[in-house]
């Protein structure tokens, strides 16, 4: 922060920062992909099933 303030003459205590990111995690379903797919369609799960894989997608927003 000190280098940024020195190089830009900006007061970082007066500047806001905002970050947004998308993340996806997956796990292989070994025994019950059909049940997980059914639960996903009912809205009981926040992810989705594709074949034998279960995917969770999240959007992360952070600011200060």
PDB file of N, CA and C in Angstrom:
ATOM      1  N   UNK A   1       0.817  -1.174   0.000  1.00  0.00           N
ATOM      2  CA  UNK A   1       0.000   0.000   0.000  1.00  0.00           C
ATOM      3  C   UNK A   1       0.867   1.245   0.000  1.00  0.00           C
ATOM      4  N   UNK A   2       1.964   1.186   0.740  1.00  0.00           N
ATOM      5  CA  UNK A   2       2.832   2.356   0.808  1.00  0.00           C
ATOM      6  C   UNK A   2       3.420   2.683  -0.564  1.00  0.00           C
ATOM      7  N   UNK A   3       3.772   1.657  -1.324  1.00  0.00           N
ATOM      8  CA  UNK A   3       4.332   1.885  -2.658  1.00  0.00           C
ATOM      9  C   UNK A   3       3.275   2.509  -3.567  1.00  0.00           C
ATOM     10  N   UNK A   4       2.047   2.016  -3.507  1.00  0.00           N
ATOM     11  CA  UNK A   4       0.982   2.600  -4.326  1.00  0.00           C
ATOM     12  C   UNK A   4       0.740   4.060  -3.970  1.00  0.00           C
ATOM     13  N   UNK A   5       0.683   4.346  -2.683  1.00  0.00           N
ATOM     14  CA  UNK A   5       0.463   5.732  -2.265  1.00  0.00           C
ATOM     15  C   UNK A   5       1.620   6.624  -2.706  1.00  0.00           C
ATOM     16  N   UNK A   6       2.843   6.117  -2.607  1.00  0.00           N
ATOM     17  CA  UNK A   6       4.017   6.910  -2.991  1.00  0.00           C
ATOM     18  C   UNK A   6       4.051   7.143  -4.501  1.00  0.00           C
ATOM     19  N   UNK A   7       3.805   6.068  -5.281  1.00  0.00           N
ATOM     20  CA  UNK A   7       3.920   6.170  -6.737  1.00  0.00           C
ATOM     21  C   UNK A   7       2.758   6.928  -7.381  1.00  0.00           C
ATOM     22  N   UNK A   8       1.576   6.895  -6.781  1.00  0.00           N
ATOM     23  CA  UNK A   8       0.416   7.505  -7.415  1.00  0.00           C
ATOM     24  C   UNK A   8      -0.081   8.752  -6.706  1.00  0.00           C
ATOM     25  N   UNK A   9       0.452   9.043  -5.552  1.00  0.00           N
ATOM     26  CA  UNK A   9      -0.007  10.161  -4.721  1.00  0.00           C
ATOM     27  C   UNK A   9      -1.488  10.036  -4.365  1.00  0.00           C
ATOM     28  N   UNK A  10      -1.975   8.799  -4.311  1.00  0.00           N
ATOM     29  CA  UNK A  10      -3.369   8.544  -3.949  1.00  0.00           C
ATOM     30  C   UNK A  10      -3.466   8.258  -2.454  1.00  0.00           C
ATOM     31  N   UNK A  11      -4.534   8.716  -1.845  1.00  0.00           N
ATOM     32  CA  UNK A  11      -4.808   8.412  -0.444  1.00  0.00           C
ATOM     33  C   UNK A  11      -5.694   7.172  -0.410  1.00  0.00           C
ATOM     34  N   UNK A  12      -5.107   6.007  -0.118  1.00  0.00           N
ATOM     35  CA  UNK A  12      -5.854   4.759  -0.188  1.00  0.00           C
ATOM     36  C   UNK A  12      -6.911   4.633   0.909  1.00  0.00           C
ATOM     37  N   UNK A  13      -6.848   5.456   1.930  1.00  0.00           N
ATOM     38  CA  UNK A  13      -7.907   5.431   2.941  1.00  0.00           C
ATOM     39  C   UNK A  13      -9.194   6.026   2.389  1.00  0.00           C
ATOM     40  N   UNK A  14      -9.108   6.768   1.296  1.00  0.00           N
ATOM     41  CA  UNK A  14     -10.281   7.359   0.669  1.00  0.00           C
ATOM     42  C   UNK A  14     -10.738   6.596  -0.572  1.00  0.00           C
ATOM     43  N   UNK A  15     -10.011   5.564  -0.952  1.00  0.00           N
ATOM     44  CA  UNK A  15     -10.341   4.790  -2.153  1.00  0.00           C
ATOM     45  C   UNK A  15     -10.991   3.468  -1.743  1.00  0.00           C
ATOM     46  N   UNK A  16     -12.026   3.073  -2.452  1.00  0.00           N
ATOM     47  CA  UNK A  16     -12.670   1.791  -2.168  1.00  0.00           C
ATOM     48  C   UNK A  16     -12.162   0.734  -3.143  1.00  0.00           C
ATOM     49  N   UNK A  17     -12.312  -0.506  -2.741  1.00  0.00           N
ATOM     50  CA  UNK A  17     -11.894  -1.635  -3.561  1.00  0.00           C
ATOM     51  C   UNK A  17     -13.054  -2.597  -3.686  1.00  0.00           C
ATOM     52  N   UNK A  18     -13.247  -3.120  -4.879  1.00  0.00           N
ATOM     53  CA  UNK A  18     -14.330  -4.072  -5.129  1.00  0.00           C
ATOM     54  C   UNK A  18     -13.780  -5.210  -5.967  1.00  0.00           C
ATOM     55  N   UNK A  19     -14.046  -6.438  -5.540  1.00  0.00           N
ATOM     56  CA  UNK A  19     -13.583  -7.620  -6.260  1.00  0.00           C
ATOM     57  C   UNK A  19     -14.773  -8.548  -6.450  1.00  0.00           C
ATOM     58  N   UNK A  20     -14.900  -9.110  -7.654  1.00  0.00           N
ATOM     59  CA  UNK A  20     -15.900 -10.134  -7.909  1.00  0.00           C
ATOM     60  C   UNK A  20     -15.218 -11.304  -8.616  1.00  0.00           C
ATOM     61  N   UNK A  21     -15.637 -12.524  -8.270  1.00  0.00           N
ATOM     62  CA  UNK A  21     -15.031 -13.715  -8.861  1.00  0.00           C
ATOM     63  C   UNK A  21     -16.082 -14.814  -8.966  1.00  0.00           C
ATOM     64  N   UNK A  22     -15.908 -15.677  -9.935  1.00  0.00           N
ATOM     65  CA  UNK A  22     -16.749 -16.862 -10.095  1.00  0.00           C
ATOM     66  C   UNK A  22     -15.895 -18.087  -9.804  1.00  0.00           C
ATOM     67  N   UNK A  23     -16.445 -19.011  -9.021  1.00  0.00           N
ATOM     68  CA  UNK A  23     -15.723 -20.234  -8.675  1.00  0.00           C
ATOM     69  C   UNK A  23     -16.620 -21.433  -8.941  1.00  0.00           C
ATOM     70  N   UNK A  24     -16.021 -22.519  -9.423  1.00  0.00           N
ATOM     71  CA  UNK A  24     -16.730 -23.770  -9.655  1.00  0.00           C
ATOM     72  C   UNK A  24     -15.949 -24.900  -8.997  1.00  0.00           C
ATOM     73  N   UNK A  25     -16.662 -25.723  -8.236  1.00  0.00           N
ATOM     74  CA  UNK A  25     -16.063 -26.908  -7.629  1.00  0.00           C
ATOM     75  C   UNK A  25     -16.824 -28.127  -8.130  1.00  0.00           C
ATOM     76  N   UNK A  26     -16.140 -29.246  -8.242  1.00  0.00           N
ATOM     77  CA  UNK A  26     -16.803 -30.459  -8.710  1.00  0.00           C
ATOM     78  C   UNK A  26     -16.309 -31.671  -7.931  1.00  0.00           C
ATOM     79  N   UNK A  27     -17.177 -32.680  -7.876  1.00  0.00           N
ATOM     80  CA  UNK A  27     -16.821 -33.942  -7.232  1.00  0.00           C
ATOM     81  C   UNK A  27     -17.478 -35.064  -8.026  1.00  0.00           C
ATOM     82  N   UNK A  28     -16.766 -36.183  -8.154  1.00  0.00           N
ATOM     83  CA  UNK A  28     -17.318 -37.313  -8.887  1.00  0.00           C
ATOM     84  C   UNK A  28     -18.275 -38.083  -7.982  1.00  0.00           C
ATOM     85  N   UNK A  29     -19.449 -38.383  -8.511  1.00  0.00           N
ATOM     86  CA  UNK A  29     -20.446 -39.155  -7.766  1.00  0.00           C
ATOM     87  C   UNK A  29     -20.224 -40.639  -8.060  1.00  0.00           C
ATOM     88  N   UNK A  30     -19.874 -41.402  -7.068  1.00  0.00           N
ATOM     89  CA  UNK A  30     -19.542 -42.812  -7.283  1.00  0.00           C
ATOM     90  C   UNK A  30     -20.762 -43.716  -7.302  1.00  0.00           C
ATOM     91  N   UNK A  31     -21.705 -43.495  -6.378  1.00  0.00           N
ATOM     92  CA  UNK A  31     -22.768 -44.472  -6.216  1.00  0.00           C
ATOM     93  C   UNK A  31     -24.167 -43.964  -6.549  1.00  0.00           C
ATOM     94  N   UNK A  32     -24.420 -42.664  -6.376  1.00  0.00           N
ATOM     95  CA  UNK A  32     -25.808 -42.200  -6.444  1.00  0.00           C
ATOM     96  C   UNK A  32     -26.020 -40.994  -7.363  1.00  0.00           C
ATOM     97  N   UNK A  33     -25.496 -40.991  -8.581  1.00  0.00           N
ATOM     98  CA  UNK A  33     -25.710 -39.824  -9.443  1.00  0.00           C
ATOM     99  C   UNK A  33     -27.178 -39.594  -9.770  1.00  0.00           C
ATOM    100  N   UNK A  34     -27.988 -40.649  -9.893  1.00  0.00           N
ATOM    101  CA  UNK A  34     -29.408 -40.485 -10.199  1.00  0.00           C
ATOM    102  C   UNK A  34     -30.157 -39.784  -9.084  1.00  0.00           C
ATOM    103  N   UNK A  35     -29.858 -40.145  -7.836  1.00  0.00           N
ATOM    104  CA  UNK A  35     -30.510 -39.514  -6.690  1.00  0.00           C
ATOM    105  C   UNK A  35     -30.085 -38.051  -6.582  1.00  0.00           C
ATOM    106  N   UNK A  36     -28.810 -37.776  -6.775  1.00  0.00           N
ATOM    107  CA  UNK A  36     -28.321 -36.399  -6.715  1.00  0.00           C
ATOM    108  C   UNK A  36     -28.952 -35.556  -7.815  1.00  0.00           C
ATOM    109  N   UNK A  37     -29.119 -36.135  -8.998  1.00  0.00           N
ATOM    110  CA  UNK A  37     -29.760 -35.407 -10.099  1.00  0.00           C
ATOM    111  C   UNK A  37     -31.208 -35.081  -9.739  1.00  0.00           C
ATOM    112  N   UNK A  38     -31.919 -36.036  -9.150  1.00  0.00           N
ATOM    113  CA  UNK A  38     -33.305 -35.815  -8.743  1.00  0.00           C
ATOM    114  C   UNK A  38     -33.388 -34.718  -7.673  1.00  0.00           C
ATOM    115  N   UNK A  39     -32.496 -34.754  -6.680  1.00  0.00           N
ATOM    116  CA  UNK A  39     -32.491 -33.731  -5.636  1.00  0.00           C
ATOM    117  C   UNK A  39     -32.169 -32.351  -6.212  1.00  0.00           C
ATOM    118  N   UNK A  40     -31.279 -32.313  -7.186  1.00  0.00           N
ATOM    119  CA  UNK A  40     -30.938 -31.045  -7.827  1.00  0.00           C
ATOM    120  C   UNK A  40     -32.117 -30.432  -8.565  1.00  0.00           C
ATOM    121  N   UNK A  41     -32.925 -31.266  -9.181  1.00  0.00           N
ATOM    122  CA  UNK A  41     -34.090 -30.769  -9.921  1.00  0.00           C
ATOM    123  C   UNK A  41     -35.192 -30.270  -8.988  1.00  0.00           C
ATOM    124  N   UNK A  42     -35.227 -30.770  -7.761  1.00  0.00           N
ATOM    125  CA  UNK A  42     -36.239 -30.322  -6.800  1.00  0.00           C
ATOM    126  C   UNK A  42     -35.842 -29.034  -6.106  1.00  0.00           C
ATOM    127  N   UNK A  43     -34.577 -28.620  -6.257  1.00  0.00           N
ATOM    128  CA  UNK A  43     -34.105 -27.410  -5.598  1.00  0.00           C
ATOM    129  C   UNK A  43     -33.497 -27.665  -4.230  1.00  0.00           C
ATOM    130  N   UNK A  44     -33.385 -28.944  -3.836  1.00  0.00           N
ATOM    131  CA  UNK A  44     -32.815 -29.286  -2.536  1.00  0.00           C
ATOM    132  C   UNK A  44     -31.298 -29.078  -2.509  1.00  0.00           C
ATOM    133  N   UNK A  45     -30.662 -29.083  -3.663  1.00  0.00           N
ATOM    134  CA  UNK A  45     -29.216 -28.881  -3.760  1.00  0.00           C
ATOM    135  C   UNK A  45     -28.946 -27.591  -4.521  1.00  0.00           C
ATOM    136  N   UNK A  46     -27.827 -26.962  -4.219  1.00  0.00           N
ATOM    137  CA  UNK A  46     -27.499 -25.718  -4.909  1.00  0.00           C
ATOM    138  C   UNK A  46     -26.666 -25.942  -6.161  1.00  0.00           C
ATOM    139  N   UNK A  47     -26.279 -27.180  -6.438  1.00  0.00           N
ATOM    140  CA  UNK A  47     -25.430 -27.467  -7.591  1.00  0.00           C
ATOM    141  C   UNK A  47     -26.193 -28.158  -8.701  1.00  0.00           C
ATOM    142  N   UNK A  48     -25.427 -28.730  -9.624  1.00  0.00           N
ATOM    143  CA  UNK A  48     -26.026 -29.432 -10.758  1.00  0.00           C
ATOM    144  C   UNK A  48     -25.264 -30.728 -11.000  1.00  0.00           C
ATOM    145  N   UNK A  49     -25.936 -31.702 -11.597  1.00  0.00           N
ATOM    146  CA  UNK A  49     -25.340 -32.993 -11.911  1.00  0.00           C
ATOM    147  C   UNK A  49     -25.219 -33.095 -13.423  1.00  0.00           C
ATOM    148  N   UNK A  50     -24.021 -33.451 -13.881  1.00  0.00           N
ATOM    149  CA  UNK A  50     -23.766 -33.707 -15.299  1.00  0.00           C
ATOM    150  C   UNK A  50     -23.057 -35.043 -15.384  1.00  0.00           C
ATOM    151  N   UNK A  51     -23.774 -36.054 -15.869  1.00  0.00           N
ATOM    152  CA  UNK A  51     -23.200 -37.389 -15.913  1.00  0.00           C
ATOM    153  C   UNK A  51     -22.945 -37.897 -14.505  1.00  0.00           C
ATOM    154  N   UNK A  52     -21.686 -38.226 -14.204  1.00  0.00           N
ATOM    155  CA  UNK A  52     -21.313 -38.694 -12.869  1.00  0.00           C
ATOM    156  C   UNK A  52     -20.636 -37.612 -12.038  1.00  0.00           C
ATOM    157  N   UNK A  53     -20.731 -36.340 -12.490  1.00  0.00           N
ATOM    158  CA  UNK A  53     -20.082 -35.243 -11.782  1.00  0.00           C
ATOM    159  C   UNK A  53     -21.128 -34.306 -11.175  1.00  0.00           C
ATOM    160  N   UNK A  54     -20.833 -33.811  -9.962  1.00  0.00           N
ATOM    161  CA  UNK A  54     -21.675 -32.830  -9.275  1.00  0.00           C
ATOM    162  C   UNK A  54     -20.902 -31.518  -9.246  1.00  0.00           C
ATOM    163  N   UNK A  55     -21.503 -30.428  -9.728  1.00  0.00           N
ATOM    164  CA  UNK A  55     -20.852 -29.126  -9.829  1.00  0.00           C
ATOM    165  C   UNK A  55     -21.558 -28.104  -8.940  1.00  0.00           C
ATOM    166  N   UNK A  56     -20.768 -27.269  -8.280  1.00  0.00           N
ATOM    167  CA  UNK A  56     -21.283 -26.157  -7.492  1.00  0.00           C
ATOM    168  C   UNK A  56     -20.660 -24.880  -8.048  1.00  0.00           C
ATOM    169  N   UNK A  57     -21.489 -23.922  -8.421  1.00  0.00           N
ATOM    170  CA  UNK A  57     -21.021 -22.633  -8.941  1.00  0.00           C
ATOM    171  C   UNK A  57     -21.343 -21.550  -7.923  1.00  0.00           C
ATOM    172  N   UNK A  58     -20.378 -20.697  -7.639  1.00  0.00           N
ATOM    173  CA  UNK A  58     -20.581 -19.596  -6.696  1.00  0.00           C
ATOM    174  C   UNK A  58     -19.998 -18.306  -7.268  1.00  0.00           C
ATOM    175  N   UNK A  59     -20.696 -17.207  -7.012  1.00  0.00           N
ATOM    176  CA  UNK A  59     -20.167 -15.880  -7.331  1.00  0.00           C
ATOM    177  C   UNK A  59     -19.817 -15.211  -6.009  1.00  0.00           C
ATOM    178  N   UNK A  60     -18.615 -14.691  -5.928  1.00  0.00           N
ATOM    179  CA  UNK A  60     -18.131 -14.074  -4.702  1.00  0.00           C
ATOM    180  C   UNK A  60     -17.904 -12.587  -4.955  1.00  0.00           C
ATOM    181  N   UNK A  61     -18.454 -11.742  -4.098  1.00  0.00           N
ATOM    182  CA  UNK A  61     -18.281 -10.303  -4.184  1.00  0.00           C
ATOM    183  C   UNK A  61     -17.709  -9.806  -2.858  1.00  0.00           C
ATOM    184  N   UNK A  62     -16.690  -8.957  -2.946  1.00  0.00           N
ATOM    185  CA  UNK A  62     -16.049  -8.447  -1.737  1.00  0.00           C
ATOM    186  C   UNK A  62     -15.673  -6.979  -1.965  1.00  0.00           C
ATOM    187  N   UNK A  63     -15.941  -6.174  -0.989  1.00  0.00           N
ATOM    188  CA  UNK A  63     -15.528  -4.773  -1.089  1.00  0.00           C
ATOM    189  C   UNK A  63     -15.158  -4.256   0.292  1.00  0.00           C
ATOM    190  N   UNK A  64     -14.314  -3.236   0.278  1.00  0.00           N
ATOM    191  CA  UNK A  64     -13.975  -2.546   1.536  1.00  0.00           C
ATOM    192  C   UNK A  64     -13.589  -1.126   1.232  1.00  0.00           C
TER     193      UNK A  64
END
